């Protein structure tokens, strides 16, 4: 699950970038990444990303 969570996280970052602006799609990917119970380090990175944007 760690690799899958990382992939969703990276995809969400790309979708939420200034160039793309697909925030709803990014939210869905983030929810999917967190729903799979990723390792704590990955979950913290995802949560930091959420609160920084």
N, C-alpha and C. Protein backbone atom coordinates (compact mmCIF):
# COMPACT_ATOMS: atom_id res chain seq x y z
N UNK A 1 0.82 -1.20 0.00
CA UNK A 1 0.00 0.00 0.00
C UNK A 1 0.86 1.26 0.00
N UNK A 2 2.08 1.16 0.51
CA UNK A 2 2.93 2.34 0.56
C UNK A 2 3.16 2.90 -0.83
N UNK A 3 3.50 2.05 -1.79
CA UNK A 3 3.76 2.55 -3.14
C UNK A 3 2.51 3.17 -3.75
N UNK A 4 1.36 2.56 -3.51
CA UNK A 4 0.12 3.09 -4.06
C UNK A 4 -0.20 4.44 -3.43
N UNK A 5 -0.01 4.58 -2.13
CA UNK A 5 -0.27 5.85 -1.45
C UNK A 5 0.65 6.93 -2.00
N UNK A 6 1.90 6.59 -2.24
CA UNK A 6 2.85 7.55 -2.79
C UNK A 6 2.42 7.97 -4.18
N UNK A 7 1.96 7.04 -4.98
CA UNK A 7 1.52 7.37 -6.33
C UNK A 7 0.32 8.31 -6.30
N UNK A 8 -0.65 8.04 -5.43
CA UNK A 8 -1.80 8.93 -5.31
C UNK A 8 -1.37 10.32 -4.83
N UNK A 9 -0.45 10.36 -3.90
CA UNK A 9 0.05 11.62 -3.36
C UNK A 9 0.72 12.45 -4.45
N UNK A 10 1.58 11.81 -5.23
CA UNK A 10 2.27 12.51 -6.31
C UNK A 10 1.27 13.01 -7.35
N UNK A 11 0.30 12.18 -7.68
CA UNK A 11 -0.72 12.59 -8.65
C UNK A 11 -1.52 13.77 -8.12
N UNK A 12 -1.85 13.74 -6.83
CA UNK A 12 -2.60 14.85 -6.24
C UNK A 12 -1.79 16.13 -6.27
N UNK A 13 -0.50 16.04 -5.98
CA UNK A 13 0.35 17.23 -6.05
C UNK A 13 0.35 17.81 -7.45
N UNK A 14 0.44 16.96 -8.44
CA UNK A 14 0.47 17.44 -9.82
C UNK A 14 -0.85 18.07 -10.21
N UNK A 15 -1.96 17.48 -9.80
CA UNK A 15 -3.27 18.03 -10.15
C UNK A 15 -3.54 19.36 -9.46
N UNK A 16 -3.00 19.53 -8.27
CA UNK A 16 -3.25 20.76 -7.52
C UNK A 16 -2.25 21.86 -7.84
N UNK A 17 -1.31 21.56 -8.73
CA UNK A 17 -0.30 22.57 -9.05
C UNK A 17 -0.96 23.79 -9.66
N UNK A 18 -0.25 24.89 -9.62
CA UNK A 18 -0.75 26.14 -10.16
C UNK A 18 -1.09 25.99 -11.64
N UNK A 19 -0.31 25.26 -12.37
CA UNK A 19 -0.53 25.10 -13.80
C UNK A 19 -1.80 24.32 -14.12
N UNK A 20 -2.14 23.36 -13.28
CA UNK A 20 -3.27 22.48 -13.59
C UNK A 20 -4.55 22.93 -12.88
N UNK A 21 -4.47 23.14 -11.56
CA UNK A 21 -5.60 23.66 -10.81
C UNK A 21 -6.77 22.70 -10.64
N UNK A 22 -6.57 21.41 -10.80
CA UNK A 22 -7.64 20.42 -10.65
C UNK A 22 -7.76 20.01 -9.18
N UNK A 23 -8.27 20.93 -8.36
CA UNK A 23 -8.29 20.72 -6.92
C UNK A 23 -9.26 19.62 -6.49
N UNK A 24 -10.41 19.51 -7.13
CA UNK A 24 -11.38 18.46 -6.77
C UNK A 24 -10.80 17.08 -7.05
N UNK A 25 -10.15 16.94 -8.19
CA UNK A 25 -9.53 15.66 -8.52
C UNK A 25 -8.41 15.35 -7.52
N UNK A 26 -7.65 16.37 -7.14
CA UNK A 26 -6.59 16.18 -6.16
C UNK A 26 -7.17 15.74 -4.82
N UNK A 27 -8.29 16.33 -4.42
CA UNK A 27 -8.94 15.93 -3.16
C UNK A 27 -9.35 14.46 -3.20
N UNK A 28 -9.88 14.01 -4.32
CA UNK A 28 -10.29 12.60 -4.44
C UNK A 28 -9.08 11.67 -4.33
N UNK A 29 -7.97 12.05 -4.96
CA UNK A 29 -6.77 11.22 -4.88
C UNK A 29 -6.21 11.18 -3.47
N UNK A 30 -6.25 12.31 -2.79
CA UNK A 30 -5.77 12.37 -1.41
C UNK A 30 -6.63 11.49 -0.51
N UNK A 31 -7.94 11.56 -0.69
CA UNK A 31 -8.84 10.72 0.10
C UNK A 31 -8.56 9.24 -0.15
N UNK A 32 -8.31 8.89 -1.39
CA UNK A 32 -8.00 7.50 -1.72
C UNK A 32 -6.68 7.08 -1.09
N UNK A 33 -5.69 7.95 -1.16
CA UNK A 33 -4.38 7.63 -0.57
C UNK A 33 -4.48 7.41 0.93
N UNK A 34 -5.26 8.25 1.61
CA UNK A 34 -5.38 8.13 3.06
C UNK A 34 -6.30 6.98 3.49
N UNK A 35 -7.22 6.60 2.63
CA UNK A 35 -8.17 5.55 3.00
C UNK A 35 -7.51 4.17 3.07
N UNK A 36 -6.40 4.02 2.43
CA UNK A 36 -5.72 2.73 2.42
C UNK A 36 -4.80 2.49 3.59
N UNK A 37 -4.86 3.36 4.60
CA UNK A 37 -4.01 3.24 5.79
C UNK A 37 -2.53 3.19 5.42
N UNK A 38 -2.02 4.28 4.82
CA UNK A 38 -0.61 4.31 4.41
C UNK A 38 0.30 4.40 5.64
N UNK A 39 1.58 4.12 5.46
CA UNK A 39 2.53 4.29 6.56
C UNK A 39 2.48 5.72 7.11
N UNK A 40 2.79 5.86 8.36
CA UNK A 40 2.66 7.15 9.05
C UNK A 40 3.43 8.27 8.34
N UNK A 41 4.63 7.98 7.87
CA UNK A 41 5.43 9.01 7.20
C UNK A 41 4.72 9.54 5.96
N UNK A 42 4.15 8.64 5.18
CA UNK A 42 3.44 9.04 3.96
C UNK A 42 2.18 9.82 4.33
N UNK A 43 1.45 9.35 5.33
CA UNK A 43 0.23 10.03 5.76
C UNK A 43 0.55 11.45 6.22
N UNK A 44 1.65 11.63 6.95
CA UNK A 44 2.04 12.97 7.41
C UNK A 44 2.37 13.89 6.24
N UNK A 45 3.07 13.36 5.24
CA UNK A 45 3.39 14.18 4.06
C UNK A 45 2.12 14.61 3.34
N UNK A 46 1.18 13.68 3.22
CA UNK A 46 -0.08 14.00 2.55
C UNK A 46 -0.83 15.07 3.33
N UNK A 47 -0.89 14.92 4.64
CA UNK A 47 -1.60 15.89 5.48
C UNK A 47 -0.93 17.26 5.43
N UNK A 48 0.40 17.30 5.42
CA UNK A 48 1.10 18.58 5.30
C UNK A 48 0.77 19.25 3.98
N UNK A 49 0.71 18.45 2.93
CA UNK A 49 0.37 18.97 1.61
C UNK A 49 -1.04 19.58 1.63
N UNK A 50 -1.97 18.89 2.26
CA UNK A 50 -3.35 19.38 2.34
C UNK A 50 -3.39 20.74 3.01
N UNK A 51 -2.72 20.86 4.15
CA UNK A 51 -2.82 22.09 4.92
C UNK A 51 -1.95 23.22 4.38
N UNK A 52 -1.05 22.90 3.45
CA UNK A 52 -0.21 23.97 2.89
C UNK A 52 -0.86 24.60 1.67
N UNK A 53 -1.94 24.00 1.18
CA UNK A 53 -2.58 24.53 -0.03
C UNK A 53 -3.92 25.09 0.25
